[in-house]
């Protein structure tokens, strides 16, 4: 599993605009388009510039898959709670 988020705001005052968990563990570069589409769906202005962490080589899960409750919905809740913290 992979988790992606988009932040915005001014320097020193960042807020999370969107967060999503990806069940099939895609590479980081494959998570950008779904996150931007989520922003469009929620009528959030798209950023003028995009910077992202390409992550490590290969696919890693960082133990996010340990939440086995509620299937995919539970994984999305886990990603949201991690981003909130």
C-alpha atoms as a PDB file:
ATOM      1  CA  UNK A   1       0.000   0.000   0.000  1.00  0.00           C
ATOM      2  CA  UNK A   2       1.088   3.552  -0.685  1.00  0.00           C
ATOM      3  CA  UNK A   3      -0.223   6.818   0.732  1.00  0.00           C
ATOM      4  CA  UNK A   4      -0.122  10.170  -1.047  1.00  0.00           C
ATOM      5  CA  UNK A   5      -1.058  13.670   0.010  1.00  0.00           C
ATOM      6  CA  UNK A   6      -0.997  17.197  -1.360  1.00  0.00           C
ATOM      7  CA  UNK A   7      -0.229  20.202   0.819  1.00  0.00           C
ATOM      8  CA  UNK A   8      -0.670  23.873   0.107  1.00  0.00           C
ATOM      9  CA  UNK A   9      -0.370  27.238   1.754  1.00  0.00           C
ATOM     10  CA  UNK A  10       2.369  29.727   2.435  1.00  0.00           C
ATOM     11  CA  UNK A  11       5.854  28.940   3.670  1.00  0.00           C
ATOM     12  CA  UNK A  12       5.661  27.778   7.267  1.00  0.00           C
ATOM     13  CA  UNK A  13       1.855  27.449   7.163  1.00  0.00           C
ATOM     14  CA  UNK A  14       1.136  24.303   5.161  1.00  0.00           C
ATOM     15  CA  UNK A  15      -2.204  22.502   5.219  1.00  0.00           C
ATOM     16  CA  UNK A  16      -3.178  19.136   3.782  1.00  0.00           C
ATOM     17  CA  UNK A  17      -5.468  19.594   0.777  1.00  0.00           C
ATOM     18  CA  UNK A  18      -6.018  15.952  -0.172  1.00  0.00           C
ATOM     19  CA  UNK A  19      -4.949  12.517   1.004  1.00  0.00           C
ATOM     20  CA  UNK A  20      -5.451   9.094  -0.529  1.00  0.00           C
ATOM     21  CA  UNK A  21      -4.294   5.539   0.139  1.00  0.00           C
ATOM     22  CA  UNK A  22      -3.448   3.362  -2.824  1.00  0.00           C
ATOM     23  CA  UNK A  23      -4.185  -0.334  -2.289  1.00  0.00           C
ATOM     24  CA  UNK A  24      -2.128  -1.770  -5.137  1.00  0.00           C
ATOM     25  CA  UNK A  25       1.132  -0.073  -3.976  1.00  0.00           C
ATOM     26  CA  UNK A  26       1.972   1.971  -7.112  1.00  0.00           C
ATOM     27  CA  UNK A  27       5.201   3.883  -7.581  1.00  0.00           C
ATOM     28  CA  UNK A  28       5.014   7.438  -6.224  1.00  0.00           C
ATOM     29  CA  UNK A  29       4.899   9.024  -9.678  1.00  0.00           C
ATOM     30  CA  UNK A  30       1.702   7.072 -10.405  1.00  0.00           C
ATOM     31  CA  UNK A  31      -0.093   8.638  -7.427  1.00  0.00           C
ATOM     32  CA  UNK A  32       0.100  12.252  -8.620  1.00  0.00           C
ATOM     33  CA  UNK A  33      -2.704  12.164 -11.195  1.00  0.00           C
ATOM     34  CA  UNK A  34      -5.300  10.565  -8.851  1.00  0.00           C
ATOM     35  CA  UNK A  35      -4.465  13.144  -6.171  1.00  0.00           C
ATOM     36  CA  UNK A  36      -4.875  16.029  -8.617  1.00  0.00           C
ATOM     37  CA  UNK A  37      -8.148  14.504  -9.853  1.00  0.00           C
ATOM     38  CA  UNK A  38      -9.348  14.352  -6.241  1.00  0.00           C
ATOM     39  CA  UNK A  39      -8.549  18.060  -5.923  1.00  0.00           C
ATOM     40  CA  UNK A  40     -10.579  18.801  -9.079  1.00  0.00           C
ATOM     41  CA  UNK A  41     -13.507  16.739  -7.757  1.00  0.00           C
ATOM     42  CA  UNK A  42     -13.444  18.663  -4.472  1.00  0.00           C
ATOM     43  CA  UNK A  43     -13.170  21.974  -6.381  1.00  0.00           C
ATOM     44  CA  UNK A  44      -9.779  22.842  -4.895  1.00  0.00           C
ATOM     45  CA  UNK A  45      -7.555  25.061  -7.048  1.00  0.00           C
ATOM     46  CA  UNK A  46      -4.741  23.086  -8.638  1.00  0.00           C
ATOM     47  CA  UNK A  47      -1.194  24.142  -7.755  1.00  0.00           C
ATOM     48  CA  UNK A  48       0.835  26.240 -10.180  1.00  0.00           C
ATOM     49  CA  UNK A  49       3.932  24.201  -9.370  1.00  0.00           C
ATOM     50  CA  UNK A  50       4.248  20.564  -8.355  1.00  0.00           C
ATOM     51  CA  UNK A  51       7.109  19.067  -6.338  1.00  0.00           C
ATOM     52  CA  UNK A  52       7.042  15.462  -5.238  1.00  0.00           C
ATOM     53  CA  UNK A  53       9.212  12.915  -3.480  1.00  0.00           C
ATOM     54  CA  UNK A  54      10.079  10.141  -5.888  1.00  0.00           C
ATOM     55  CA  UNK A  55      10.462   7.765  -2.967  1.00  0.00           C
ATOM     56  CA  UNK A  56      12.796   4.831  -2.799  1.00  0.00           C
ATOM     57  CA  UNK A  57      13.577   2.421  -5.597  1.00  0.00           C
ATOM     58  CA  UNK A  58      10.991  -0.327  -5.845  1.00  0.00           C
ATOM     59  CA  UNK A  59       7.701  -0.718  -4.053  1.00  0.00           C
ATOM     60  CA  UNK A  60       7.611  -0.497  -0.231  1.00  0.00           C
ATOM     61  CA  UNK A  61       4.717  -0.613   2.174  1.00  0.00           C
ATOM     62  CA  UNK A  62       6.083   0.903   5.435  1.00  0.00           C
ATOM     63  CA  UNK A  63       3.651  -1.367   7.349  1.00  0.00           C
ATOM     64  CA  UNK A  64       0.578   0.676   6.365  1.00  0.00           C
ATOM     65  CA  UNK A  65      -1.057  -2.568   5.233  1.00  0.00           C
ATOM     66  CA  UNK A  66      -1.379  -3.789   8.834  1.00  0.00           C
ATOM     67  CA  UNK A  67      -4.844  -2.256   9.194  1.00  0.00           C
ATOM     68  CA  UNK A  68      -7.015  -5.247   8.307  1.00  0.00           C
ATOM     69  CA  UNK A  69     -10.304  -3.801   9.563  1.00  0.00           C
ATOM     70  CA  UNK A  70     -13.030  -2.670   7.143  1.00  0.00           C
ATOM     71  CA  UNK A  71     -11.099  -3.616   4.005  1.00  0.00           C
ATOM     72  CA  UNK A  72     -10.338  -0.730   1.640  1.00  0.00           C
ATOM     73  CA  UNK A  73     -12.424   1.727   3.678  1.00  0.00           C
ATOM     74  CA  UNK A  74     -10.298   0.996   6.752  1.00  0.00           C
ATOM     75  CA  UNK A  75      -7.108   1.603   4.803  1.00  0.00           C
ATOM     76  CA  UNK A  76      -8.424   4.986   3.598  1.00  0.00           C
ATOM     77  CA  UNK A  77      -9.379   5.898   7.189  1.00  0.00           C
ATOM     78  CA  UNK A  78      -5.907   4.853   8.384  1.00  0.00           C
ATOM     79  CA  UNK A  79      -4.258   7.114   5.769  1.00  0.00           C
ATOM     80  CA  UNK A  80      -6.503  10.039   6.754  1.00  0.00           C
ATOM     81  CA  UNK A  81      -5.742   9.579  10.455  1.00  0.00           C
ATOM     82  CA  UNK A  82      -1.982   9.348   9.777  1.00  0.00           C
ATOM     83  CA  UNK A  83      -2.138  12.578   7.746  1.00  0.00           C
ATOM     84  CA  UNK A  84      -4.165  14.275  10.485  1.00  0.00           C
ATOM     85  CA  UNK A  85      -1.588  13.364  13.124  1.00  0.00           C
END
